[in-house]
N, C-alpha and C. Protein backbone atom coordinates (compact mmCIF):
# COMPACT_ATOMS: atom_id res chain seq x y z
N MET A 1 100.73 112.03 94.22
CA MET A 1 100.13 111.06 93.31
C MET A 1 98.62 111.19 93.38
N HIS A 2 97.97 110.87 92.30
CA HIS A 2 96.52 110.98 92.22
C HIS A 2 95.93 109.67 91.68
N PRO A 3 95.68 108.71 92.57
CA PRO A 3 95.08 107.46 92.10
C PRO A 3 93.66 107.71 91.60
N THR A 4 93.26 106.95 90.60
CA THR A 4 91.94 107.15 90.00
C THR A 4 90.89 106.19 90.53
N ASN A 5 91.31 105.19 91.32
CA ASN A 5 90.33 104.27 91.90
C ASN A 5 90.86 103.72 93.22
N LYS A 6 90.03 102.93 93.89
CA LYS A 6 90.39 102.41 95.21
C LYS A 6 91.55 101.43 95.14
N GLU A 7 91.63 100.65 94.06
CA GLU A 7 92.71 99.67 93.93
C GLU A 7 94.06 100.37 93.84
N GLN A 8 94.13 101.45 93.06
CA GLN A 8 95.38 102.19 92.94
C GLN A 8 95.75 102.83 94.27
N ALA A 9 94.77 103.37 94.97
CA ALA A 9 95.03 103.99 96.27
C ALA A 9 95.55 102.96 97.26
N ALA A 10 94.97 101.77 97.26
CA ALA A 10 95.41 100.71 98.17
C ALA A 10 96.83 100.27 97.83
N ALA A 11 97.15 100.17 96.54
CA ALA A 11 98.50 99.77 96.13
C ALA A 11 99.52 100.82 96.56
N LEU A 12 99.22 102.08 96.36
CA LEU A 12 100.14 103.15 96.76
C LEU A 12 100.34 103.16 98.28
N LYS A 13 99.26 102.93 99.01
CA LYS A 13 99.35 102.90 100.46
C LYS A 13 100.22 101.73 100.92
N ALA A 14 100.09 100.58 100.26
CA ALA A 14 100.88 99.41 100.61
C ALA A 14 102.37 99.65 100.32
N ILE A 15 102.66 100.29 99.20
CA ILE A 15 104.06 100.60 98.86
C ILE A 15 104.64 101.55 99.89
N ALA A 16 103.90 102.58 100.24
CA ALA A 16 104.37 103.55 101.24
C ALA A 16 104.61 102.87 102.59
N LYS A 17 103.72 101.96 102.96
CA LYS A 17 103.87 101.26 104.23
C LYS A 17 105.11 100.36 104.21
N ALA A 18 105.32 99.68 103.07
CA ALA A 18 106.48 98.79 102.96
C ALA A 18 107.78 99.59 103.03
N LEU A 19 107.79 100.79 102.51
CA LEU A 19 108.98 101.64 102.54
C LEU A 19 109.08 102.48 103.81
N LYS A 20 108.10 102.30 104.69
CA LYS A 20 108.02 103.06 105.94
C LYS A 20 108.02 104.57 105.68
N VAL A 21 107.20 104.94 104.70
CA VAL A 21 107.04 106.35 104.33
C VAL A 21 105.66 106.79 104.82
N ALA A 22 105.58 107.97 105.42
CA ALA A 22 104.29 108.49 105.88
C ALA A 22 103.36 108.66 104.68
N PHE A 23 102.12 108.27 104.88
CA PHE A 23 101.13 108.32 103.80
C PHE A 23 99.84 108.88 104.35
N GLU A 24 99.29 109.84 103.66
CA GLU A 24 97.97 110.36 104.04
C GLU A 24 97.16 110.58 102.78
N SER A 25 95.88 110.35 102.90
CA SER A 25 95.01 110.54 101.74
C SER A 25 94.05 111.68 102.03
N ASP A 26 93.75 112.42 101.01
CA ASP A 26 92.82 113.53 101.12
C ASP A 26 91.52 113.10 100.47
N LYS A 27 90.67 112.48 101.27
CA LYS A 27 89.40 112.00 100.72
C LYS A 27 88.47 113.15 100.44
N GLY A 28 88.49 114.16 101.30
CA GLY A 28 87.66 115.33 101.08
C GLY A 28 86.18 114.99 101.03
N SER A 29 85.37 115.96 101.15
CA SER A 29 83.93 115.76 101.10
C SER A 29 83.40 116.24 99.76
N ALA A 30 82.42 115.51 99.25
CA ALA A 30 81.81 115.90 97.99
C ALA A 30 80.81 117.04 98.20
N TYR A 31 80.55 117.38 99.45
CA TYR A 31 79.56 118.40 99.76
C TYR A 31 80.21 119.70 100.19
N ASN A 32 79.52 120.78 99.92
CA ASN A 32 79.95 122.10 100.33
C ASN A 32 79.93 122.16 101.86
N PRO A 33 81.00 122.63 102.50
CA PRO A 33 81.05 122.67 103.97
C PRO A 33 79.92 123.49 104.59
N ALA A 34 79.48 124.56 103.93
CA ALA A 34 78.37 125.37 104.45
C ALA A 34 77.08 124.55 104.47
N PHE A 35 76.86 123.75 103.42
CA PHE A 35 75.68 122.90 103.34
C PHE A 35 75.72 121.85 104.45
N VAL A 36 76.87 121.24 104.66
CA VAL A 36 77.01 120.22 105.71
C VAL A 36 76.73 120.85 107.08
N ALA A 37 77.21 122.07 107.30
CA ALA A 37 76.97 122.74 108.57
C ALA A 37 75.49 122.98 108.81
N LYS A 38 74.76 123.36 107.75
CA LYS A 38 73.31 123.58 107.89
C LYS A 38 72.59 122.28 108.23
N ILE A 39 72.97 121.20 107.58
CA ILE A 39 72.34 119.90 107.84
C ILE A 39 72.61 119.46 109.28
N LEU A 40 73.85 119.59 109.72
CA LEU A 40 74.19 119.20 111.09
C LEU A 40 73.48 120.07 112.11
N ALA A 41 73.33 121.37 111.82
CA ALA A 41 72.61 122.27 112.73
C ALA A 41 71.14 121.86 112.80
N GLY A 42 70.55 121.49 111.68
CA GLY A 42 69.17 121.05 111.66
C GLY A 42 68.96 119.77 112.44
N GLU A 43 69.88 118.83 112.30
CA GLU A 43 69.79 117.58 113.06
C GLU A 43 69.91 117.84 114.56
N LYS A 44 70.82 118.75 114.93
CA LYS A 44 70.99 119.07 116.34
C LYS A 44 69.72 119.72 116.90
N ALA A 45 69.12 120.63 116.12
CA ALA A 45 67.90 121.29 116.56
C ALA A 45 66.77 120.27 116.74
N LYS A 46 66.68 119.34 115.80
CA LYS A 46 65.65 118.29 115.89
C LYS A 46 65.86 117.44 117.14
N ASN A 47 67.11 117.07 117.39
CA ASN A 47 67.42 116.25 118.56
C ASN A 47 67.21 117.00 119.87
N ASP A 48 67.32 118.33 119.83
CA ASP A 48 67.09 119.15 121.02
C ASP A 48 65.61 119.44 121.24
N GLY A 49 64.76 118.97 120.33
CA GLY A 49 63.32 119.13 120.49
C GLY A 49 62.75 120.40 119.91
N GLU A 50 63.53 121.14 119.14
CA GLU A 50 63.02 122.36 118.53
C GLU A 50 62.07 122.02 117.39
N LYS A 51 61.09 122.87 117.19
CA LYS A 51 60.15 122.66 116.09
C LYS A 51 60.80 123.09 114.79
N GLY A 52 60.49 122.39 113.75
CA GLY A 52 61.06 122.69 112.44
C GLY A 52 60.07 123.41 111.55
N LEU A 53 60.42 123.55 110.32
CA LEU A 53 59.58 124.19 109.33
C LEU A 53 58.53 123.20 108.85
N LYS A 54 57.28 123.61 108.87
CA LYS A 54 56.20 122.74 108.41
C LYS A 54 55.87 123.11 106.98
N VAL A 55 55.88 122.14 106.08
CA VAL A 55 55.63 122.37 104.67
C VAL A 55 54.27 121.79 104.31
N ASP A 56 53.44 122.60 103.66
CA ASP A 56 52.13 122.15 103.20
C ASP A 56 52.33 121.40 101.88
N VAL A 57 52.34 120.07 101.94
CA VAL A 57 52.63 119.28 100.76
C VAL A 57 51.53 119.35 99.71
N GLU A 58 50.34 119.71 100.09
CA GLU A 58 49.24 119.82 99.14
C GLU A 58 49.48 120.97 98.17
N ASN A 59 50.12 122.05 98.65
CA ASN A 59 50.35 123.22 97.82
C ASN A 59 51.82 123.39 97.45
N LEU A 60 52.58 122.36 97.56
CA LEU A 60 54.01 122.43 97.33
C LEU A 60 54.35 122.81 95.89
N TRP A 61 53.63 122.27 94.93
CA TRP A 61 53.96 122.49 93.53
C TRP A 61 53.09 123.54 92.86
N LYS A 62 52.36 124.32 93.63
CA LYS A 62 51.49 125.33 93.03
C LYS A 62 52.18 126.65 92.93
């Protein structure tokens, strides 16, 4: 089944629970997994104290 909103998903989940049927939802990510991996790697590097890329904002649009 493919509910189109949260209310439909909640109703389907309630029906499945009442019938004691296993129910799982595939929420999935709206982001590309490679992009998410890069962001998480950057956050880890920042938290580990590594220096990041310095951007000259004065010349950013030139």
